[in-house]
Amino acid sequence: MRKTWLVARREYLYNLRRPAFLFAVFGAPLLTFGIWFVLFSLISNNETNLDQIGKVGYVDQSSVLANAVPDKEHPDLFVAYADEAEARAALDDKTIGAYFILPSDYMTSGSVNITSYSGIPDALKEAITNFLLVNLSREVTGEFPVERIQKPVDMTIHVTDSGRLTEDNIPALIFLLSFLPLYSTCRQT
């Protein structure tokens, strides 16, 4: 029994000094958590940063935003376009980062369609909601549908993918690359 403990002690101390063992125990988890920290920091920044998307166009087919009052928080964010073709051309020219359409039945359905080449941050969804609330609340009359004030937007987001690596794809790539040290460590043992 004594020889078994001697062999186990020797193996433990021998493996404890090996660089591959130290990297597998300490380095790979630290590297993985470091990459995850960077990834989640990038994701949270993308969800709150309106500057990355630039100006946002809108097409008002319901005449709700005729003579639109700008939102106080983002007075220069929204740009009006006459029709969807004009807004799409501005999106293709990268004059705007996204556009949304208020269909003619907006007052009854509340649906809003957003089109962009990249994802839509949550801050933009809130900005559109606030913009619509500001403009809807100034026209409140006796026959105004109250549900449009309570829930002004039912969004449908259309992301037009060009099929290339963009800023929005990088967090997913970093997430997958964070498993590479674990994979290489597992193959060595």
N, C-alpha and C. Protein backbone atom coordinates (compact mmCIF):
# COMPACT_ATOMS: atom_id res chain seq x y z
N MET A 1 0.82 -1.18 0.00
CA MET A 1 0.00 0.00 0.00
C MET A 1 0.87 1.25 0.00
N ARG A 2 1.99 1.16 0.67
CA ARG A 2 2.89 2.31 0.75
C ARG A 2 3.44 2.64 -0.63
N LYS A 3 3.75 1.63 -1.44
CA LYS A 3 4.28 1.86 -2.78
C LYS A 3 3.23 2.53 -3.68
N THR A 4 1.98 2.20 -3.47
CA THR A 4 0.91 2.81 -4.26
C THR A 4 0.85 4.30 -3.98
N TRP A 5 0.95 4.68 -2.71
CA TRP A 5 0.92 6.10 -2.36
C TRP A 5 2.16 6.81 -2.89
N LEU A 6 3.29 6.16 -2.88
CA LEU A 6 4.51 6.77 -3.43
C LEU A 6 4.36 7.02 -4.93
N VAL A 7 3.83 6.05 -5.65
CA VAL A 7 3.62 6.20 -7.09
C VAL A 7 2.59 7.30 -7.36
N ALA A 8 1.50 7.32 -6.60
CA ALA A 8 0.47 8.34 -6.80
C ALA A 8 1.02 9.73 -6.51
N ARG A 9 1.83 9.85 -5.46
CA ARG A 9 2.42 11.14 -5.10
C ARG A 9 3.38 11.61 -6.18
N ARG A 10 4.20 10.71 -6.67
CA ARG A 10 5.16 11.06 -7.72
C ARG A 10 4.44 11.49 -9.00
N GLU A 11 3.40 10.77 -9.40
CA GLU A 11 2.64 11.13 -10.61
C GLU A 11 1.96 12.48 -10.44
N TYR A 12 1.40 12.71 -9.27
CA TYR A 12 0.72 13.98 -9.02
C TYR A 12 1.70 15.13 -9.10
N LEU A 13 2.83 15.02 -8.42
CA LEU A 13 3.82 16.10 -8.43
C LEU A 13 4.46 16.27 -9.81
N TYR A 14 4.65 15.19 -10.54
CA TYR A 14 5.21 15.28 -11.89
C TYR A 14 4.24 16.02 -12.82
N ASN A 15 2.96 15.63 -12.80
CA ASN A 15 1.97 16.25 -13.67
C ASN A 15 1.66 17.69 -13.26
N LEU A 16 1.80 17.99 -11.96
CA LEU A 16 1.53 19.34 -11.49
C LEU A 16 2.53 20.34 -12.08
N ARG A 17 3.72 19.89 -12.41
CA ARG A 17 4.75 20.78 -12.96
C ARG A 17 4.71 20.89 -14.48
N ARG A 18 3.94 20.07 -15.15
CA ARG A 18 3.89 20.11 -16.61
C ARG A 18 3.13 21.35 -17.09
N PRO A 19 3.67 22.07 -18.09
CA PRO A 19 3.01 23.26 -18.61
C PRO A 19 1.62 22.97 -19.21
N ALA A 20 1.48 21.85 -19.87
CA ALA A 20 0.19 21.51 -20.47
C ALA A 20 -0.88 21.32 -19.39
N PHE A 21 -0.49 20.70 -18.28
CA PHE A 21 -1.43 20.50 -17.18
C PHE A 21 -1.81 21.83 -16.56
N LEU A 22 -0.83 22.69 -16.32
CA LEU A 22 -1.10 24.01 -15.73
C LEU A 22 -1.99 24.85 -16.64
N PHE A 23 -1.74 24.78 -17.95
CA PHE A 23 -2.57 25.52 -18.88
C PHE A 23 -4.00 24.98 -18.89
N ALA A 24 -4.13 23.66 -18.85
CA ALA A 24 -5.46 23.06 -18.87
C ALA A 24 -6.25 23.40 -17.61
N VAL A 25 -5.58 23.46 -16.47
CA VAL A 25 -6.27 23.72 -15.21
C VAL A 25 -6.54 25.21 -15.00
N PHE A 26 -5.56 26.06 -15.33
CA PHE A 26 -5.70 27.48 -15.03
C PHE A 26 -5.85 28.36 -16.28
N GLY A 27 -5.04 28.12 -17.28
CA GLY A 27 -5.01 29.00 -18.45
C GLY A 27 -6.25 28.94 -19.31
N ALA A 28 -6.71 27.75 -19.64
CA ALA A 28 -7.87 27.62 -20.53
C ALA A 28 -9.13 28.23 -19.91
N PRO A 29 -9.45 27.96 -18.65
CA PRO A 29 -10.64 28.61 -18.07
C PRO A 29 -10.50 30.13 -18.00
N LEU A 30 -9.31 30.63 -17.61
CA LEU A 30 -9.12 32.08 -17.56
C LEU A 30 -9.25 32.71 -18.94
N LEU A 31 -8.68 32.07 -19.94
CA LEU A 31 -8.79 32.58 -21.31
C LEU A 31 -10.24 32.55 -21.78
N THR A 32 -10.95 31.49 -21.50
CA THR A 32 -12.35 31.38 -21.89
C THR A 32 -13.20 32.45 -21.21
N PHE A 33 -13.03 32.63 -19.91
CA PHE A 33 -13.81 33.65 -19.21
C PHE A 33 -13.43 35.05 -19.68
N GLY A 34 -12.17 35.28 -20.00
CA GLY A 34 -11.76 36.57 -20.55
C GLY A 34 -12.44 36.87 -21.88
N ILE A 35 -12.49 35.88 -22.74
CA ILE A 35 -13.15 36.06 -24.04
C ILE A 35 -14.65 36.26 -23.85
N TRP A 36 -15.26 35.55 -22.94
CA TRP A 36 -16.69 35.73 -22.67
C TRP A 36 -16.96 37.13 -22.13
N PHE A 37 -16.08 37.64 -21.27
CA PHE A 37 -16.24 38.99 -20.73
C PHE A 37 -16.22 40.02 -21.84
N VAL A 38 -15.26 39.90 -22.76
CA VAL A 38 -15.18 40.81 -23.89
C VAL A 38 -16.43 40.68 -24.76
N LEU A 39 -16.87 39.47 -25.01
CA LEU A 39 -18.05 39.22 -25.83
C LEU A 39 -19.29 39.87 -25.23
N PHE A 40 -19.54 39.65 -23.95
CA PHE A 40 -20.73 40.22 -23.32
C PHE A 40 -20.64 41.73 -23.20
N SER A 41 -19.44 42.27 -23.06
CA SER A 41 -19.28 43.73 -23.06
C SER A 41 -19.65 44.31 -24.41
N LEU A 42 -19.21 43.66 -25.49
CA LEU A 42 -19.55 44.12 -26.83
C LEU A 42 -21.05 44.04 -27.08
N ILE A 43 -21.66 42.97 -26.67
CA ILE A 43 -23.10 42.80 -26.89
C ILE A 43 -23.89 43.86 -26.12
N SER A 44 -23.54 44.10 -24.87
CA SER A 44 -24.30 45.09 -24.09
C SER A 44 -24.09 46.49 -24.65
N ASN A 45 -22.91 46.79 -25.18
CA ASN A 45 -22.66 48.09 -25.78
C ASN A 45 -23.47 48.25 -27.05
N ASN A 46 -23.59 47.19 -27.85
CA ASN A 46 -24.36 47.26 -29.09
C ASN A 46 -25.84 47.46 -28.84
N GLU A 47 -26.36 46.98 -27.73
CA GLU A 47 -27.79 47.11 -27.45
C GLU A 47 -28.17 48.49 -26.96
N THR A 48 -27.22 49.28 -26.46
CA THR A 48 -27.54 50.59 -25.92
C THR A 48 -26.97 51.73 -26.75
N ASN A 49 -26.23 51.45 -27.80
CA ASN A 49 -25.56 52.48 -28.56
C ASN A 49 -26.34 52.81 -29.83
N LEU A 50 -26.97 53.98 -29.86
CA LEU A 50 -27.70 54.42 -31.05
C LEU A 50 -26.79 55.04 -32.10
N ASP A 51 -25.59 55.46 -31.71
CA ASP A 51 -24.68 56.10 -32.65
C ASP A 51 -24.21 55.15 -33.74
N GLN A 52 -24.15 53.87 -33.44
CA GLN A 52 -23.66 52.90 -34.43
C GLN A 52 -24.62 52.75 -35.60
N ILE A 53 -25.90 52.99 -35.40
CA ILE A 53 -26.86 52.81 -36.49
C ILE A 53 -27.02 54.07 -37.32
N GLY A 54 -26.73 55.22 -36.76
CA GLY A 54 -26.85 56.47 -37.51
C GLY A 54 -28.30 56.95 -37.55
N LYS A 55 -28.63 57.64 -38.63
CA LYS A 55 -29.99 58.15 -38.80
C LYS A 55 -30.94 57.03 -39.17
N VAL A 56 -32.22 57.22 -38.82
CA VAL A 56 -33.25 56.24 -39.09
C VAL A 56 -34.35 56.91 -39.91
N GLY A 57 -34.67 56.30 -41.04
CA GLY A 57 -35.72 56.84 -41.88
C GLY A 57 -37.07 56.24 -41.54
N TYR A 58 -38.12 56.93 -41.96
CA TYR A 58 -39.46 56.36 -41.78
C TYR A 58 -40.34 56.75 -42.95
N VAL A 59 -41.26 55.85 -43.24
CA VAL A 59 -42.26 56.05 -44.28
C VAL A 59 -43.61 55.98 -43.59
N ASP A 60 -44.36 57.08 -43.66
CA ASP A 60 -45.65 57.18 -42.96
C ASP A 60 -46.78 57.02 -43.96
N GLN A 61 -47.32 55.82 -44.06
CA GLN A 61 -48.44 55.55 -44.96
C GLN A 61 -49.78 55.78 -44.26
N SER A 62 -49.75 56.02 -42.95
CA SER A 62 -50.98 56.20 -42.18
C SER A 62 -51.26 57.65 -41.82
N SER A 63 -50.37 58.56 -42.20
CA SER A 63 -50.49 60.01 -41.91
C SER A 63 -50.48 60.31 -40.41
N VAL A 64 -49.93 59.43 -39.62
CA VAL A 64 -49.80 59.67 -38.19
C VAL A 64 -48.66 60.64 -37.92
N LEU A 65 -47.61 60.56 -38.72
CA LEU A 65 -46.43 61.38 -38.50
C LEU A 65 -46.35 62.57 -39.44
N ALA A 66 -47.49 62.98 -40.01
CA ALA A 66 -47.50 64.21 -40.80
C ALA A 66 -47.24 65.36 -39.83
N ASN A 67 -46.35 66.25 -40.17
CA ASN A 67 -45.92 67.33 -39.27
C ASN A 67 -45.39 66.75 -37.96
N ALA A 68 -44.49 65.81 -38.07
CA ALA A 68 -43.96 65.09 -36.90
C ALA A 68 -43.18 66.02 -35.97
N VAL A 69 -43.39 65.79 -34.69
CA VAL A 69 -42.66 66.51 -33.65
C VAL A 69 -41.48 65.63 -33.26
N PRO A 70 -40.24 66.16 -33.33
CA PRO A 70 -39.09 65.32 -32.97
C PRO A 70 -39.07 64.99 -31.48
N ASP A 71 -38.53 63.84 -31.17
CA ASP A 71 -38.37 63.42 -29.79
C ASP A 71 -37.28 64.27 -29.15
N LYS A 72 -37.47 64.68 -27.89
CA LYS A 72 -36.50 65.56 -27.22
C LYS A 72 -35.16 64.87 -26.99
N GLU A 73 -35.18 63.56 -26.75
CA GLU A 73 -33.93 62.84 -26.50
C GLU A 73 -33.09 62.67 -27.76
N HIS A 74 -33.75 62.48 -28.90
CA HIS A 74 -33.07 62.24 -30.17
C HIS A 74 -33.69 63.11 -31.26
N PRO A 75 -33.43 64.42 -31.24
CA PRO A 75 -34.11 65.31 -32.18
C PRO A 75 -33.71 65.10 -33.65
N ASP A 76 -32.50 64.64 -33.92
CA ASP A 76 -32.03 64.50 -35.30
C ASP A 76 -31.96 63.05 -35.76
N LEU A 77 -32.58 62.15 -35.04
CA LEU A 77 -32.45 60.73 -35.35
C LEU A 77 -33.31 60.30 -36.53
N PHE A 78 -34.51 60.83 -36.64
CA PHE A 78 -35.47 60.34 -37.63
C PHE A 78 -35.56 61.26 -38.85
N VAL A 79 -35.65 60.64 -40.03
CA VAL A 79 -35.74 61.35 -41.30
C VAL A 79 -36.94 60.78 -42.06
N ALA A 80 -37.80 61.67 -42.57
CA ALA A 80 -39.00 61.22 -43.29
C ALA A 80 -38.67 60.96 -44.76
N TYR A 81 -39.31 59.90 -45.32
CA TYR A 81 -39.20 59.58 -46.75
C TYR A 81 -40.60 59.41 -47.31
N ALA A 82 -40.75 59.74 -48.57
CA ALA A 82 -42.06 59.71 -49.22
C ALA A 82 -42.59 58.28 -49.41
N ASP A 83 -41.71 57.37 -49.80
CA ASP A 83 -42.15 56.00 -50.03
C ASP A 83 -41.02 55.02 -49.68
N GLU A 84 -41.36 53.74 -49.71
CA GLU A 84 -40.40 52.72 -49.31
C GLU A 84 -39.21 52.64 -50.25
N ALA A 85 -39.42 52.88 -51.55
CA ALA A 85 -38.32 52.82 -52.52
C ALA A 85 -37.26 53.88 -52.21
N GLU A 86 -37.71 55.07 -51.84
CA GLU A 86 -36.78 56.14 -51.49
C GLU A 86 -36.01 55.81 -50.19
N ALA A 87 -36.71 55.25 -49.22
CA ALA A 87 -36.06 54.86 -47.96
C ALA A 87 -35.07 53.72 -48.20
N ARG A 88 -35.44 52.76 -49.06
CA ARG A 88 -34.55 51.64 -49.37
C ARG A 88 -33.30 52.12 -50.09
N ALA A 89 -33.45 53.10 -51.00
CA ALA A 89 -32.29 53.67 -51.69
C ALA A 89 -31.36 54.36 -50.70
N ALA A 90 -31.92 55.06 -49.73
CA ALA A 90 -31.09 55.71 -48.70
C ALA A 90 -30.39 54.66 -47.84
N LEU A 91 -31.06 53.56 -47.56
CA LEU A 91 -30.43 52.48 -46.80
C LEU A 91 -29.30 51.85 -47.60
N ASP A 92 -29.52 51.62 -48.89
CA ASP A 92 -28.48 51.04 -49.73
C ASP A 92 -27.28 51.96 -49.88
N ASP A 93 -27.52 53.28 -49.88
CA ASP A 93 -26.43 54.26 -49.96
C ASP A 93 -25.76 54.51 -48.62
N LYS A 94 -26.28 53.87 -47.57
CA LYS A 94 -25.78 54.01 -46.20
C LYS A 94 -25.95 55.43 -45.66
N THR A 95 -26.94 56.14 -46.21
CA THR A 95 -27.31 57.45 -45.66
C THR A 95 -28.00 57.27 -44.32
N ILE A 96 -28.78 56.19 -44.22
CA ILE A 96 -29.45 55.84 -42.97
C ILE A 96 -29.04 54.41 -42.60
N GLY A 97 -29.19 54.09 -41.33
CA GLY A 97 -28.84 52.75 -40.88
C GLY A 97 -30.02 51.79 -40.86
N ALA A 98 -31.22 52.34 -40.87
CA ALA A 98 -32.45 51.54 -40.85
C ALA A 98 -33.61 52.44 -41.23
N TYR A 99 -34.72 51.82 -41.55
CA TYR A 99 -35.95 52.59 -41.75
C TYR A 99 -37.13 51.76 -41.28
N PHE A 100 -38.19 52.48 -40.91
CA PHE A 100 -39.41 51.77 -40.51
C PHE A 100 -40.59 52.33 -41.27
N ILE A 101 -41.59 51.48 -41.42
CA ILE A 101 -42.79 51.82 -42.18
C ILE A 101 -44.00 51.73 -41.26
N LEU A 102 -44.79 52.80 -41.25
CA LEU A 102 -46.08 52.77 -40.58
C LEU A 102 -47.12 52.48 -41.65
N PRO A 103 -47.69 51.27 -41.69
CA PRO A 103 -48.66 50.94 -42.74
C PRO A 103 -49.96 51.74 -42.56
N SER A 104 -50.77 51.73 -43.59
CA SER A 104 -52.02 52.51 -43.57
C SER A 104 -52.97 52.07 -42.46
N ASP A 105 -52.88 50.82 -42.02
CA ASP A 105 -53.75 50.33 -40.94
C ASP A 105 -53.06 50.38 -39.57
N TYR A 106 -52.07 51.25 -39.43
CA TYR A 106 -51.31 51.33 -38.17
C TYR A 106 -52.20 51.63 -36.97
N MET A 107 -53.18 52.50 -37.11
CA MET A 107 -54.01 52.89 -35.97
C MET A 107 -54.82 51.71 -35.43
N THR A 108 -55.12 50.74 -36.25
CA THR A 108 -55.86 49.58 -35.75
C THR A 108 -54.93 48.41 -35.40
N SER A 109 -53.86 48.22 -36.18
CA SER A 109 -52.99 47.06 -35.95
C SER A 109 -51.80 47.38 -35.06
N GLY A 110 -51.27 48.58 -35.16
CA GLY A 110 -50.08 48.95 -34.39
C GLY A 110 -48.80 48.35 -34.94
N SER A 111 -48.86 47.74 -36.13
CA SER A 111 -47.67 47.08 -36.65
C SER A 111 -46.72 48.09 -37.28
N VAL A 112 -45.45 47.86 -37.03
CA VAL A 112 -44.37 48.68 -37.58
C VAL A 112 -43.34 47.72 -38.15
N ASN A 113 -42.94 47.93 -39.39
CA ASN A 113 -41.93 47.08 -40.03
C ASN A 113 -40.62 47.84 -40.11
N ILE A 114 -39.56 47.26 -39.57
CA ILE A 114 -38.24 47.88 -39.57
C ILE A 114 -37.33 47.07 -40.48
N THR A 115 -36.56 47.76 -41.31
CA THR A 115 -35.62 47.10 -42.21
C THR A 115 -34.23 47.68 -41.96
N SER A 116 -33.23 46.80 -41.91
CA SER A 116 -31.87 47.22 -41.66
C SER A 116 -30.91 46.16 -42.19
N TYR A 117 -29.67 46.55 -42.45
CA TYR A 117 -28.65 45.58 -42.85
C TYR A 117 -28.01 44.93 -41.64
N SER A 118 -28.18 45.50 -40.48
CA SER A 118 -27.62 44.92 -39.27
C SER A 118 -28.74 44.76 -38.25
N GLY A 119 -28.43 44.22 -37.11
CA GLY A 119 -29.43 44.06 -36.08
C GLY A 119 -29.89 45.40 -35.54
N ILE A 120 -31.04 45.39 -34.92
CA ILE A 120 -31.62 46.59 -34.36
C ILE A 120 -31.38 46.58 -32.85
N PRO A 121 -30.66 47.58 -32.31
CA PRO A 121 -30.45 47.61 -30.86
C PRO A 121 -31.75 47.93 -30.12
N ASP A 122 -31.82 47.49 -28.88
CA ASP A 122 -33.00 47.76 -28.06
C ASP A 122 -33.22 49.25 -27.88
N ALA A 123 -32.15 50.02 -27.84
CA ALA A 123 -32.28 51.47 -27.68
C ALA A 123 -33.04 52.08 -28.85
N LEU A 124 -32.87 51.54 -30.06
CA LEU A 124 -33.61 52.06 -31.22
C LEU A 124 -35.08 51.72 -31.11
N LYS A 125 -35.40 50.54 -30.64
CA LYS A 125 -36.80 50.17 -30.45
C LYS A 125 -37.48 51.13 -29.48
N GLU A 126 -36.79 51.47 -28.39
CA GLU A 126 -37.33 52.42 -27.42
C GLU A 126 -37.45 53.81 -28.02
N ALA A 127 -36.48 54.22 -28.84
CA ALA A 127 -36.53 55.54 -29.47
C ALA A 127 -37.71 55.65 -30.44
N ILE A 128 -37.96 54.59 -31.20
CA ILE A 128 -39.11 54.59 -32.12
C ILE A 128 -40.41 54.64 -31.34
N THR A 129 -40.50 53.88 -30.27
CA THR A 129 -41.70 53.89 -29.43
C THR A 129 -41.94 55.29 -28.86
N ASN A 130 -40.88 55.92 -28.35
CA ASN A 130 -41.03 57.27 -27.79
C ASN A 130 -41.42 58.28 -28.87
N PHE A 131 -40.82 58.17 -30.04
CA PHE A 131 -41.15 59.06 -31.17
C PHE A 131 -42.62 58.94 -31.54
N LEU A 132 -43.11 57.71 -31.60
CA LEU A 132 -44.53 57.51 -31.92
C LEU A 132 -45.44 58.00 -30.80
N LEU A 133 -45.05 57.77 -29.56
CA LEU A 133 -45.86 58.24 -28.43
C LEU A 133 -45.97 59.75 -28.42
N VAL A 134 -44.86 60.45 -28.67
CA VAL A 134 -44.87 61.91 -28.70
C VAL A 134 -45.84 62.40 -29.77
N ASN A 135 -45.80 61.79 -30.93
CA ASN A 135 -46.64 62.25 -32.03
C ASN A 135 -48.09 61.77 -31.91
N LEU A 136 -48.32 60.64 -31.31
CA LEU A 136 -49.69 60.16 -31.12
C LEU A 136 -50.41 60.92 -30.01
N SER A 137 -49.69 61.24 -28.96
CA SER A 137 -50.33 61.88 -27.81
C SER A 137 -50.77 63.31 -28.11
N ARG A 138 -50.19 63.95 -29.09
CA ARG A 138 -50.61 65.32 -29.40
C ARG A 138 -51.91 65.35 -30.19
N GLU A 139 -52.36 64.21 -30.70
CA GLU A 139 -53.58 64.15 -31.49
C GLU A 139 -54.70 63.39 -30.78
N VAL A 140 -54.64 63.32 -29.48
CA VAL A 140 -55.65 62.57 -28.74
C VAL A 140 -56.99 63.29 -28.83
N THR A 141 -57.99 62.57 -29.30
CA THR A 141 -59.36 63.08 -29.36
C THR A 141 -60.28 62.01 -28.77
N GLY A 142 -61.55 62.26 -28.80
CA GLY A 142 -62.52 61.32 -28.23
C GLY A 142 -62.55 59.99 -28.95
N GLU A 143 -62.28 59.95 -30.24
CA GLU A 143 -62.35 58.71 -30.99
C GLU A 143 -60.98 58.08 -31.25
N PHE A 144 -59.99 58.53 -30.56
CA PHE A 144 -58.63 58.02 -30.72
C PHE A 144 -58.52 56.65 -30.06
N PRO A 145 -57.93 55.64 -30.75
CA PRO A 145 -57.79 54.32 -30.12
C PRO A 145 -56.78 54.35 -28.97
N VAL A 146 -57.26 54.14 -27.77
CA VAL A 146 -56.42 54.22 -26.57
C VAL A 146 -55.32 53.16 -26.59
N GLU A 147 -55.55 52.01 -27.23
CA GLU A 147 -54.53 50.97 -27.27
C GLU A 147 -53.27 51.42 -28.02
N ARG A 148 -53.37 52.40 -28.88
CA ARG A 148 -52.18 52.92 -29.57
C ARG A 148 -51.30 53.70 -28.60
N ILE A 149 -51.87 54.31 -27.58
CA ILE A 149 -51.07 54.98 -26.55
C ILE A 149 -50.50 53.95 -25.58
N GLN A 150 -51.30 52.97 -25.22
CA GLN A 150 -50.83 51.97 -24.27
C GLN A 150 -49.77 51.06 -24.87
N LYS A 151 -49.95 50.68 -26.12
CA LYS A 151 -48.98 49.82 -26.82
C LYS A 151 -48.84 50.35 -28.24
N PRO A 152 -47.94 51.33 -28.43
CA PRO A 152 -47.87 52.01 -29.73
C PRO A 152 -47.25 51.19 -30.85
N VAL A 153 -46.48 50.15 -30.51
CA VAL A 153 -45.72 49.47 -31.55
C VAL A 153 -45.85 47.96 -31.41
N ASP A 154 -46.08 47.31 -32.53
CA ASP A 154 -45.98 45.86 -32.65
C ASP A 154 -44.96 45.64 -33.77
N MET A 155 -43.67 45.52 -33.41
CA MET A 155 -42.59 45.56 -34.39
C MET A 155 -42.33 44.24 -35.07
N THR A 156 -42.04 44.36 -36.37
CA THR A 156 -41.51 43.26 -37.15
C THR A 156 -40.19 43.74 -37.73
N ILE A 157 -39.11 43.04 -37.42
CA ILE A 157 -37.78 43.47 -37.84
C ILE A 157 -37.31 42.61 -38.99
N HIS A 158 -36.87 43.25 -40.07
CA HIS A 158 -36.33 42.57 -41.24
C HIS A 158 -34.85 42.92 -41.34
N VAL A 159 -33.98 41.95 -41.13
CA VAL A 159 -32.55 42.16 -41.25
C VAL A 159 -32.12 41.64 -42.61
N THR A 160 -31.63 42.52 -43.44
CA THR A 160 -31.17 42.15 -44.76
C THR A 160 -29.71 41.76 -44.65
N ASP A 161 -29.40 40.48 -44.86
CA ASP A 161 -28.04 39.97 -44.69
C ASP A 161 -27.33 39.96 -46.02
N SER A 162 -26.14 40.53 -46.03
CA SER A 162 -25.35 40.55 -47.25
C SER A 162 -24.49 39.29 -47.39
N GLY A 163 -24.45 38.44 -46.37
CA GLY A 163 -23.69 37.20 -46.42
C GLY A 163 -22.22 37.35 -46.12
N ARG A 164 -21.79 38.51 -45.65
CA ARG A 164 -20.38 38.69 -45.34
C ARG A 164 -20.20 38.90 -43.85
N LEU A 165 -18.98 38.84 -43.43
CA LEU A 165 -18.65 39.03 -42.03
C LEU A 165 -18.81 40.50 -41.69
N THR A 166 -19.69 40.80 -40.75
CA THR A 166 -19.94 42.18 -40.34
C THR A 166 -19.68 42.32 -38.85
N GLU A 167 -19.84 43.53 -38.35
CA GLU A 167 -19.62 43.78 -36.93
C GLU A 167 -20.58 42.96 -36.07
N ASP A 168 -21.77 42.70 -36.59
CA ASP A 168 -22.75 41.95 -35.81
C ASP A 168 -22.41 40.47 -35.71
N ASN A 169 -21.61 39.94 -36.64
CA ASN A 169 -21.24 38.53 -36.62
C ASN A 169 -20.03 38.27 -35.73
N ILE A 170 -19.27 39.29 -35.40
CA ILE A 170 -18.02 39.11 -34.65
C ILE A 170 -18.26 38.53 -33.26
N PRO A 171 -19.28 38.96 -32.48
CA PRO A 171 -19.46 38.32 -31.17
C PRO A 171 -19.68 36.81 -31.26
N ALA A 172 -20.41 36.34 -32.25
CA ALA A 172 -20.62 34.90 -32.39
C ALA A 172 -19.31 34.20 -32.73
N LEU A 173 -18.50 34.83 -33.57
CA LEU A 173 -17.20 34.26 -33.92
C LEU A 173 -16.29 34.19 -32.69
N ILE A 174 -16.27 35.24 -31.90
CA ILE A 174 -15.44 35.26 -30.68
C ILE A 174 -15.93 34.18 -29.71
N PHE A 175 -17.23 34.01 -29.59
CA PHE A 175 -17.79 32.99 -28.70
C PHE A 175 -17.32 31.60 -29.13
N LEU A 176 -17.37 31.32 -30.42
CA LEU A 176 -16.92 30.01 -30.90
C LEU A 176 -15.41 29.83 -30.74
N LEU A 177 -14.66 30.90 -30.95
CA LEU A 177 -13.20 30.80 -30.79
C LEU A 177 -12.80 30.60 -29.33
N SER A 178 -13.67 30.99 -28.39
CA SER A 178 -13.32 30.81 -26.98
C SER A 178 -13.24 29.34 -26.59
N PHE A 179 -13.84 28.46 -27.37
CA PHE A 179 -13.77 27.04 -27.07
C PHE A 179 -12.54 26.37 -27.67
N LEU A 180 -11.79 27.06 -28.50
CA LEU A 180 -10.61 26.50 -29.13
C LEU A 180 -9.55 26.05 -28.12
N PRO A 181 -9.23 26.84 -27.09
CA PRO A 181 -8.24 26.35 -26.11
C PRO A 181 -8.70 25.07 -25.41
N LEU A 182 -9.99 24.97 -25.11
CA LEU A 182 -10.48 23.76 -24.46
C LEU A 182 -10.37 22.56 -25.39
N TYR A 183 -10.66 22.76 -26.67
CA TYR A 183 -10.58 21.68 -27.65
C TYR A 183 -9.14 21.21 -27.81
N SER A 184 -8.20 22.15 -27.90
CA SER A 184 -6.80 21.75 -28.08
C SER A 184 -6.26 21.07 -26.81
N THR A 185 -6.72 21.51 -25.65
CA THR A 185 -6.29 20.89 -24.40
C THR A 185 -6.83 19.46 -24.31
N CYS A 186 -8.06 19.24 -24.72
CA CYS A 186 -8.65 17.92 -24.66
C CYS A 186 -7.93 16.97 -25.62
N ARG A 187 -7.48 17.47 -26.75
CA ARG A 187 -6.80 16.62 -27.73
C ARG A 187 -5.41 16.23 -27.23
N GLN A 188 -4.78 17.06 -26.39
CA GLN A 188 -3.43 16.75 -25.90
C GLN A 188 -3.45 15.66 -24.86
N THR A 189 -4.54 15.51 -24.13
CA THR A 189 -4.56 14.52 -23.06
C THR A 189 -4.98 13.17 -23.56
